[in-house]
Protein backbone atom coordinates (compact mmCIF):
# COMPACT_ATOMS: atom_id res chain seq x y z
CA UNK A 1 14.96 68.90 -13.16
CA UNK A 2 14.97 65.13 -12.23
CA UNK A 3 13.91 62.57 -14.64
CA UNK A 4 10.39 61.38 -14.57
CA UNK A 5 9.82 58.97 -11.63
CA UNK A 6 12.67 60.37 -9.52
CA UNK A 7 12.64 63.25 -7.16
CA UNK A 8 15.28 65.92 -6.58
CA UNK A 9 15.92 66.92 -2.96
CA UNK A 10 13.56 69.66 -2.16
CA UNK A 11 11.46 69.27 -5.29
CA UNK A 12 7.59 69.81 -4.89
CA UNK A 13 5.61 67.35 -6.72
CA UNK A 14 2.03 66.18 -5.95
CA UNK A 15 1.88 62.41 -5.55
CA UNK A 16 -1.34 60.67 -6.15
CA UNK A 17 -0.16 57.42 -4.33
CA UNK A 18 0.59 59.31 -1.25
CA UNK A 19 -2.23 61.84 -1.30
CA UNK A 20 -4.68 59.23 -0.12
CA UNK A 21 -5.64 60.11 3.48
CA UNK A 22 -4.51 56.97 5.10
CA UNK A 23 -1.46 56.68 3.09
CA UNK A 24 -0.52 60.29 3.84
CA UNK A 25 -0.79 59.51 7.47
CA UNK A 26 1.33 56.35 7.12
CA UNK A 27 3.99 58.34 5.33
CA UNK A 28 3.69 60.88 8.08
CA UNK A 29 4.39 58.61 11.03
CA UNK A 30 7.07 56.76 9.23
CA UNK A 31 9.00 59.90 8.13
CA UNK A 32 10.65 60.76 11.30
CA UNK A 33 11.77 57.41 12.43
CA UNK A 34 14.04 54.76 10.76
CA UNK A 35 11.44 52.13 11.32
CA UNK A 36 8.10 51.24 12.90
CA UNK A 37 6.57 48.04 13.98
CA UNK A 38 3.21 47.28 11.87
CA UNK A 39 1.37 46.77 15.22
CA UNK A 40 2.46 50.08 16.64
CA UNK A 41 1.56 51.85 13.26
CA UNK A 42 -1.81 50.02 13.26
CA UNK A 43 -2.74 51.22 16.83
CA UNK A 44 -1.45 54.81 16.10
CA UNK A 45 -3.74 54.89 13.05
CA UNK A 46 -6.62 53.05 14.76
CA UNK A 47 -7.30 50.96 11.78
CA UNK A 48 -7.54 47.01 11.17
CA UNK A 49 -4.79 44.84 10.03
CA UNK A 50 -6.65 44.32 6.82
CA UNK A 51 -6.94 47.98 6.12
CA UNK A 52 -3.23 49.02 7.01
CA UNK A 53 -2.00 45.90 4.87
CA UNK A 54 -3.85 47.18 1.77
CA UNK A 55 -2.38 50.57 2.01
CA UNK A 56 1.28 49.35 2.96
CA UNK A 57 0.94 46.99 -0.07
CA UNK A 58 0.23 50.16 -2.31
CA UNK A 59 3.22 51.98 -0.75
CA UNK A 60 5.62 49.05 -1.27
CA UNK A 61 4.39 48.44 -4.90
CA UNK A 62 5.16 52.14 -5.55
CA UNK A 63 8.67 51.74 -4.05
CA UNK A 64 7.80 54.25 -1.26
CA UNK A 65 7.91 51.73 1.81
CA UNK A 66 10.06 48.86 2.72
CA UNK A 67 8.94 46.03 5.00
CA UNK A 68 11.05 43.61 6.81
CA UNK A 69 10.02 40.71 9.08
CA UNK A 70 11.97 39.55 11.99
CA UNK A 71 11.63 37.17 14.89
CA UNK A 72 10.74 38.63 18.03
CA UNK A 73 12.69 37.72 21.31
CA UNK A 74 9.59 38.86 23.31
CA UNK A 75 7.27 36.32 21.83
CA UNK A 76 7.17 32.71 22.64
CA UNK A 77 5.51 31.64 19.30
CA UNK A 78 6.83 31.65 15.88
CA UNK A 79 5.11 35.03 14.84
CA UNK A 80 7.32 37.51 13.40
CA UNK A 81 7.46 41.28 13.86
CA UNK A 82 6.88 43.40 10.59
CA UNK A 83 9.07 46.42 10.42
CA UNK A 84 8.09 49.30 8.11
CA UNK A 85 10.24 52.04 6.84
CA UNK A 86 10.08 54.76 4.11
CA UNK A 87 12.69 54.05 1.35
CA UNK A 88 14.76 56.92 0.18
CA UNK A 89 12.40 57.38 -2.96
CA UNK A 90 9.49 57.35 -0.33
CA UNK A 91 11.16 59.93 1.76
CA UNK A 92 11.75 62.15 -1.21
CA UNK A 93 8.08 61.68 -2.46
CA UNK A 94 6.51 62.40 0.68
CA UNK A 95 8.81 65.60 1.35
CA UNK A 96 7.94 66.63 -2.28
CA UNK A 97 4.23 65.99 -1.78
CA UNK A 98 4.16 68.12 1.37
CA UNK A 99 5.92 70.97 -0.53
CA UNK A 100 3.50 70.68 -3.34
CA UNK A 101 0.40 71.03 -0.56
CA UNK A 102 2.39 74.03 0.70
CA UNK A 103 2.68 75.59 -2.46
CA UNK A 104 -1.20 74.87 -3.27
CA UNK A 105 -1.94 76.46 0.08
CA UNK A 106 0.36 79.55 -0.50
CA UNK A 107 2.45 78.45 2.53
CA UNK A 108 6.25 79.22 2.57
């Protein structure tokens, strides 16, 4: 078994941080990709910038999401693009949370 706060690959573990519906959806959208633009994620979730920022901040504080701001060649102004991705710990926690939900539901 992995030490507290870490996750072994394939370990089922219910996670209160991820379980909140919006954060579960965020992790679900980030899981299959290397990174995703904040604006694309916001539009996919149909939420405001403020709402998404609040949930991303919680996931970043837990070490589950990494954010990176870069200049955009497509923009003529100084605004930067915020890229979001699941960290290795975030991927493990999300996968473990999904397995725990499957276990609760009695699914294989």
